[in-house]
C-alpha atoms as a PDB file:
ATOM      1  CA  MET A   1       0.000   0.000   0.000  1.00  0.00           C
ATOM      2  CA  ASP A   2       1.573   3.299  -1.033  1.00  0.00           C
ATOM      3  CA  ARG A   3       1.314   6.681   0.701  1.00  0.00           C
ATOM      4  CA  LYS A   4      -1.670   7.853  -1.405  1.00  0.00           C
ATOM      5  CA  GLU A   5      -3.600   4.644  -0.730  1.00  0.00           C
ATOM      6  CA  ILE A   6      -2.929   4.925   3.003  1.00  0.00           C
ATOM      7  CA  GLU A   7      -3.968   8.592   2.956  1.00  0.00           C
ATOM      8  CA  GLN A   8      -7.213   7.767   1.130  1.00  0.00           C
ATOM      9  CA  LYS A   9      -8.048   4.902   3.509  1.00  0.00           C
ATOM     10  CA  VAL A  10      -7.377   7.077   6.572  1.00  0.00           C
ATOM     11  CA  LYS A  11      -9.583   9.837   5.150  1.00  0.00           C
ATOM     12  CA  GLU A  12     -12.367   7.329   4.454  1.00  0.00           C
ATOM     13  CA  ILE A  13     -12.195   5.987   8.000  1.00  0.00           C
ATOM     14  CA  LEU A  14     -12.163   9.491   9.489  1.00  0.00           C
ATOM     15  CA  ALA A  15     -15.054  10.658   7.290  1.00  0.00           C
ATOM     16  CA  ASP A  16     -17.117   7.678   8.413  1.00  0.00           C
ATOM     17  CA  ARG A  17     -16.221   7.948  12.113  1.00  0.00           C
ATOM     18  CA  LEU A  18     -16.621  11.732  12.267  1.00  0.00           C
ATOM     19  CA  ASP A  19     -19.618  11.864   9.906  1.00  0.00           C
ATOM     20  CA  ILE A  20     -18.059  14.557   7.710  1.00  0.00           C
ATOM     21  CA  ASP A  21     -17.474  14.996   3.994  1.00  0.00           C
ATOM     22  CA  ILE A  22     -14.195  13.367   2.958  1.00  0.00           C
ATOM     23  CA  GLU A  23     -13.362  16.464   0.889  1.00  0.00           C
ATOM     24  CA  LYS A  24     -13.083  18.488   4.118  1.00  0.00           C
ATOM     25  CA  ILE A  25     -10.304  16.249   5.405  1.00  0.00           C
ATOM     26  CA  LYS A  26      -6.836  17.494   4.474  1.00  0.00           C
ATOM     27  CA  LEU A  27      -3.446  16.064   5.403  1.00  0.00           C
ATOM     28  CA  ASP A  28      -2.778  18.927   7.790  1.00  0.00           C
ATOM     29  CA  SER A  29      -6.266  18.906   9.336  1.00  0.00           C
ATOM     30  CA  ASP A  30      -6.059  18.913  13.124  1.00  0.00           C
ATOM     31  CA  LEU A  31      -7.987  15.921  14.402  1.00  0.00           C
ATOM     32  CA  VAL A  32      -9.481  17.688  17.418  1.00  0.00           C
ATOM     33  CA  ASP A  33      -9.690  21.374  16.533  1.00  0.00           C
ATOM     34  CA  GLU A  34     -10.665  21.080  12.869  1.00  0.00           C
ATOM     35  CA  LEU A  35     -12.302  17.671  12.589  1.00  0.00           C
ATOM     36  CA  GLY A  36     -13.903  17.460  16.024  1.00  0.00           C
ATOM     37  CA  MET A  37     -12.482  14.137  17.159  1.00  0.00           C
ATOM     38  CA  ASP A  38     -13.010  13.346  20.832  1.00  0.00           C
ATOM     39  CA  SER A  39     -11.510  10.615  23.010  1.00  0.00           C
ATOM     40  CA  PHE A  40     -14.332   8.162  22.281  1.00  0.00           C
ATOM     41  CA  ILE A  41     -13.836   8.504  18.529  1.00  0.00           C
ATOM     42  CA  ALA A  42     -10.059   8.224  19.015  1.00  0.00           C
ATOM     43  CA  VAL A  43     -10.526   4.810  20.649  1.00  0.00           C
ATOM     44  CA  GLU A  44     -12.828   3.705  17.816  1.00  0.00           C
ATOM     45  CA  LEU A  45     -10.260   4.922  15.301  1.00  0.00           C
ATOM     46  CA  MET A  46      -7.478   2.926  16.979  1.00  0.00           C
ATOM     47  CA  PHE A  47      -9.571  -0.249  16.696  1.00  0.00           C
ATOM     48  CA  GLU A  48     -10.508   0.466  13.089  1.00  0.00           C
ATOM     49  CA  LEU A  49      -6.879   1.093  12.082  1.00  0.00           C
ATOM     50  CA  LYS A  50      -6.014  -2.298  13.553  1.00  0.00           C
ATOM     51  CA  GLU A  51      -8.928  -4.017  11.849  1.00  0.00           C
ATOM     52  CA  LYS A  52      -8.588  -2.455   8.398  1.00  0.00           C
ATOM     53  CA  LEU A  53      -4.852  -1.788   8.158  1.00  0.00           C
ATOM     54  CA  GLY A  54      -3.306  -4.207  10.632  1.00  0.00           C
ATOM     55  CA  ILE A  55      -1.786  -1.389  12.696  1.00  0.00           C
ATOM     56  CA  ASN A  56      -1.677  -1.563  16.482  1.00  0.00           C
ATOM     57  CA  VAL A  57      -1.757   1.887  18.059  1.00  0.00           C
ATOM     58  CA  SER A  58      -1.471   2.283  21.803  1.00  0.00           C
ATOM     59  CA  GLU A  59      -3.217   5.125  23.600  1.00  0.00           C
ATOM     60  CA  LYS A  60       0.198   6.618  24.380  1.00  0.00           C
ATOM     61  CA  GLU A  61       1.236   6.525  20.708  1.00  0.00           C
ATOM     62  CA  PHE A  62      -2.097   7.948  19.635  1.00  0.00           C
ATOM     63  CA  SER A  63      -1.736  10.832  22.074  1.00  0.00           C
ATOM     64  CA  ASN A  64       1.225  12.008  19.953  1.00  0.00           C
ATOM     65  CA  ILE A  65      -0.900  12.088  16.796  1.00  0.00           C
ATOM     66  CA  GLY A  66      -2.441  15.468  16.040  1.00  0.00           C
ATOM     67  CA  THR A  67      -3.110  15.564  12.302  1.00  0.00           C
ATOM     68  CA  VAL A  68      -4.158  13.324   9.458  1.00  0.00           C
ATOM     69  CA  ARG A  69      -0.546  13.460   8.223  1.00  0.00           C
ATOM     70  CA  ASP A  70       0.602  12.113  11.610  1.00  0.00           C
ATOM     71  CA  ILE A  71      -1.690   9.093  11.204  1.00  0.00           C
ATOM     72  CA  VAL A  72      -0.456   8.429   7.656  1.00  0.00           C
ATOM     73  CA  ASN A  73       3.193   8.695   8.749  1.00  0.00           C
ATOM     74  CA  PHE A  74       2.579   6.439  11.741  1.00  0.00           C
ATOM     75  CA  ILE A  75       0.992   3.790   9.520  1.00  0.00           C
ATOM     76  CA  ARG A  76       3.787   3.951   6.962  1.00  0.00           C
ATOM     77  CA  LYS A  77       6.436   3.659   9.674  1.00  0.00           C
ATOM     78  CA  ASN A  78       4.736   0.776  11.459  1.00  0.00           C
ATOM     79  CA  ARG A  79       3.706  -1.208   8.382  1.00  0.00           C
ATOM     80  CA  ALA A  80       7.351  -1.361   7.359  1.00  0.00           C
ATOM     81  CA  LYS A  81       8.213  -3.335  10.524  1.00  0.00           C
END
């Protein structure tokens, strides 16, 4: 899966979880301030990333993620392992 495919999948997951138009989600969108993600949705997102992309994200790791780009980079880094 290349960077664009990962980015598209992350945007699809976020659009579904946050009930927003995928076109509003940009790489530099802040998950909390711009997209409205709360802690409950963050937990759901962690489970969905594991289910759909095979990525395990701990709560501690996720607390360091602030943007869509951060998620994409995290996935790319951890899929390579």
